[in-house]
């Protein structure tokens, strides 16, 4: 190990070394700025402008899609409501028509039943009016067979 004494350490700057280091530093700074920093900053600015534009387009498209989705949802709800109203209206109309058909059938059946009863009653009257005559004929027939 080497030991230094305070008298051996030189703290006075060497102008030649400092000038050389400043020239090398300036040259390195110029090279880095010219060939690395400036192209990188241009590329970054271009990328940011493209990305920002794309992000704004994406935001606009998303807003449009949201609005379209809301319109579609509203249209679907309206269509469902209209379909339900139409179905209910048609159901009520069908029930009404069915009730009318049933009522007409009941009236027709009642009229047919009344006619049938009237015909039966008329035939009963006709047959009852023939009954004394038939009894008379039957009695004569029995009398003839008994007498023979």
Protein backbone atom coordinates (compact mmCIF):
# COMPACT_ATOMS: atom_id res chain seq x y z
CA UNK A 1 0.00 0.00 0.00
CA UNK A 2 1.22 3.33 -0.95
CA UNK A 3 0.95 6.05 1.49
CA UNK A 4 0.54 9.65 0.38
CA UNK A 5 1.46 12.56 2.35
CA UNK A 6 -0.46 15.81 2.14
CA UNK A 7 2.49 17.49 0.60
CA UNK A 8 2.50 15.14 -2.40
CA UNK A 9 -1.14 15.69 -3.45
CA UNK A 10 -1.43 18.31 -6.17
CA UNK A 11 -4.75 20.18 -6.00
CA UNK A 12 -3.96 22.80 -8.61
CA UNK A 13 -5.93 22.18 -11.82
CA UNK A 14 -4.06 21.35 -14.98
CA UNK A 15 -5.36 23.67 -17.69
CA UNK A 16 -4.32 21.42 -20.58
CA UNK A 17 -6.15 18.36 -19.14
CA UNK A 18 -9.21 20.41 -18.32
CA UNK A 19 -9.33 21.92 -21.80
CA UNK A 20 -8.97 18.50 -23.41
CA UNK A 21 -11.76 17.09 -21.20
CA UNK A 22 -14.01 20.06 -22.03
CA UNK A 23 -13.43 19.57 -25.77
CA UNK A 24 -14.13 15.80 -25.48
CA UNK A 25 -17.23 16.53 -23.40
CA UNK A 26 -18.49 19.13 -25.92
CA UNK A 27 -17.78 16.77 -28.81
CA UNK A 28 -19.64 13.90 -27.06
CA UNK A 29 -22.52 16.25 -26.23
CA UNK A 30 -22.75 17.35 -29.88
CA UNK A 31 -22.69 13.73 -31.15
CA UNK A 32 -25.28 12.53 -28.65
CA UNK A 33 -27.55 15.49 -29.35
CA UNK A 34 -27.18 15.34 -33.14
CA UNK A 35 -27.45 11.56 -33.67
CA UNK A 36 -29.42 10.30 -30.67
CA UNK A 37 -31.37 12.91 -28.74
CA UNK A 38 -32.83 14.95 -31.64
CA UNK A 39 -34.03 11.88 -33.68
CA UNK A 40 -35.42 10.30 -30.52
CA UNK A 41 -37.37 13.45 -29.60
CA UNK A 42 -38.75 13.77 -33.15
CA UNK A 43 -39.80 10.12 -33.14
CA UNK A 44 -41.40 10.47 -29.71
CA UNK A 45 -43.31 13.60 -30.76
CA UNK A 46 -44.54 11.87 -33.92
CA UNK A 47 -45.60 8.79 -31.97
CA UNK A 48 -47.40 10.96 -29.39
CA UNK A 49 -49.25 12.87 -32.10
CA UNK A 50 -50.30 9.63 -33.82
CA UNK A 51 -51.27 8.03 -30.53
CA UNK A 52 -53.20 11.09 -29.39
CA UNK A 53 -55.06 11.23 -32.70
CA UNK A 54 -55.84 7.54 -32.48
CA UNK A 55 -56.96 7.87 -28.89
CA UNK A 56 -59.28 10.72 -29.85
CA UNK A 57 -60.67 8.61 -32.69
CA UNK A 58 -61.15 5.67 -30.34
CA UNK A 59 -62.92 7.91 -27.84
CA UNK A 60 -65.16 9.32 -30.57
CA UNK A 61 -65.93 5.84 -31.90
CA UNK A 62 -66.73 4.59 -28.40
CA UNK A 63 -69.09 7.52 -27.83
CA UNK A 64 -70.79 6.81 -31.17
CA UNK A 65 -71.06 3.12 -30.31
CA UNK A 66 -72.53 3.94 -26.92
CA UNK A 67 -75.10 6.23 -28.52
CA UNK A 68 -75.93 3.62 -31.15
CA UNK A 69 -76.26 0.94 -28.47
CA UNK A 70 -78.64 3.17 -26.51
CA UNK A 71 -80.70 3.80 -29.66
CA UNK A 72 -80.79 0.08 -30.43
CA UNK A 73 -81.80 -0.74 -26.86
CA UNK A 74 -84.55 1.89 -27.00
CA UNK A 75 -85.75 0.51 -30.35
CA UNK A 76 -85.79 -3.03 -28.97
CA UNK A 77 -87.74 -1.88 -25.88
CA UNK A 78 -90.21 -0.03 -28.11
CA UNK A 79 -90.59 -3.07 -30.37
CA UNK A 80 -91.15 -5.36 -27.38
CA UNK A 81 -93.73 -2.97 -25.94
CA UNK A 82 -95.50 -2.70 -29.30
CA UNK A 83 -95.42 -6.49 -29.74
CA UNK A 84 -96.87 -7.02 -26.27
CA UNK A 85 -99.60 -4.45 -26.92
CA UNK A 86 -100.38 -6.02 -30.28
CA UNK A 87 -100.44 -9.52 -28.81
CA UNK A 88 -102.73 -8.40 -26.00
CA UNK A 89 -105.01 -6.63 -28.48
CA UNK A 90 -105.15 -9.71 -30.69
CA UNK A 91 -105.78 -11.93 -27.66
CA UNK A 92 -108.66 -9.73 -26.53
CA UNK A 93 -110.07 -9.67 -30.05
CA UNK A 94 -109.80 -13.47 -30.28
CA UNK A 95 -111.51 -13.87 -26.90
CA UNK A 96 -114.28 -11.51 -28.04
CA UNK A 97 -114.73 -13.36 -31.30
CA UNK A 98 -114.70 -16.68 -29.47
CA UNK A 99 -117.36 -15.41 -27.07
CA UNK A 100 -119.45 -14.21 -30.02
CA UNK A 101 -119.13 -17.58 -31.76
CA UNK A 102 -120.06 -19.40 -28.57
CA UNK A 103 -123.04 -17.10 -27.99
CA UNK A 104 -124.19 -17.55 -31.61
CA UNK A 105 -123.79 -21.33 -31.26
CA UNK A 106 -125.81 -21.30 -28.03
CA UNK A 107 -128.56 -19.29 -29.70
CA UNK A 108 -128.55 -21.62 -32.70
CA UNK A 109 -128.59 -24.67 -30.45
CA UNK A 110 -131.44 -23.20 -28.41
CA UNK A 111 -133.40 -22.42 -31.60
CA UNK A 112 -132.74 -25.94 -32.93
CA UNK A 113 -133.77 -27.44 -29.59
CA UNK A 114 -136.95 -25.34 -29.58
CA UNK A 115 -137.79 -26.47 -33.12
CA UNK A 116 -137.12 -30.08 -32.20
CA UNK A 117 -139.34 -29.80 -29.12
CA UNK A 118 -142.09 -28.18 -31.20
CA UNK A 119 -141.85 -30.97 -33.77
CA UNK A 120 -141.96 -33.59 -31.02
CA UNK A 121 -144.93 -31.88 -29.43
CA UNK A 122 -146.67 -31.66 -32.83
CA UNK A 123 -146.06 -35.37 -33.49
CA UNK A 124 -147.28 -36.26 -30.03
CA UNK A 125 -150.48 -34.31 -30.75
CA UNK A 126 -150.81 -36.00 -34.13
CA UNK A 127 -150.21 -39.44 -32.65
CA UNK A 128 -152.66 -38.75 -29.81
CA UNK A 129 -155.29 -37.70 -32.30
CA UNK A 130 -154.75 -40.98 -34.16
CA UNK A 131 -154.88 -42.98 -30.96
CA UNK A 132 -158.69 -43.23 -30.61
CA UNK A 133 -158.94 -44.33 -34.24
CA UNK A 134 -156.14 -46.93 -33.76
CA UNK A 135 -157.75 -48.17 -30.56
CA UNK A 136 -160.98 -48.54 -32.44
CA UNK A 137 -159.30 -50.46 -35.26
CA UNK A 138 -157.42 -52.63 -32.80
CA UNK A 139 -160.60 -53.35 -30.93
CA UNK A 140 -162.34 -54.36 -34.16
CA UNK A 141 -159.42 -56.57 -35.10
CA UNK A 142 -159.44 -58.27 -31.73
CA UNK A 143 -163.21 -58.67 -32.00
CA UNK A 144 -162.93 -60.26 -35.43
CA UNK A 145 -160.28 -62.70 -34.30
CA UNK A 146 -162.12 -63.59 -31.17
CA UNK A 147 -165.34 -64.12 -33.14
CA UNK A 148 -163.94 -66.23 -35.78
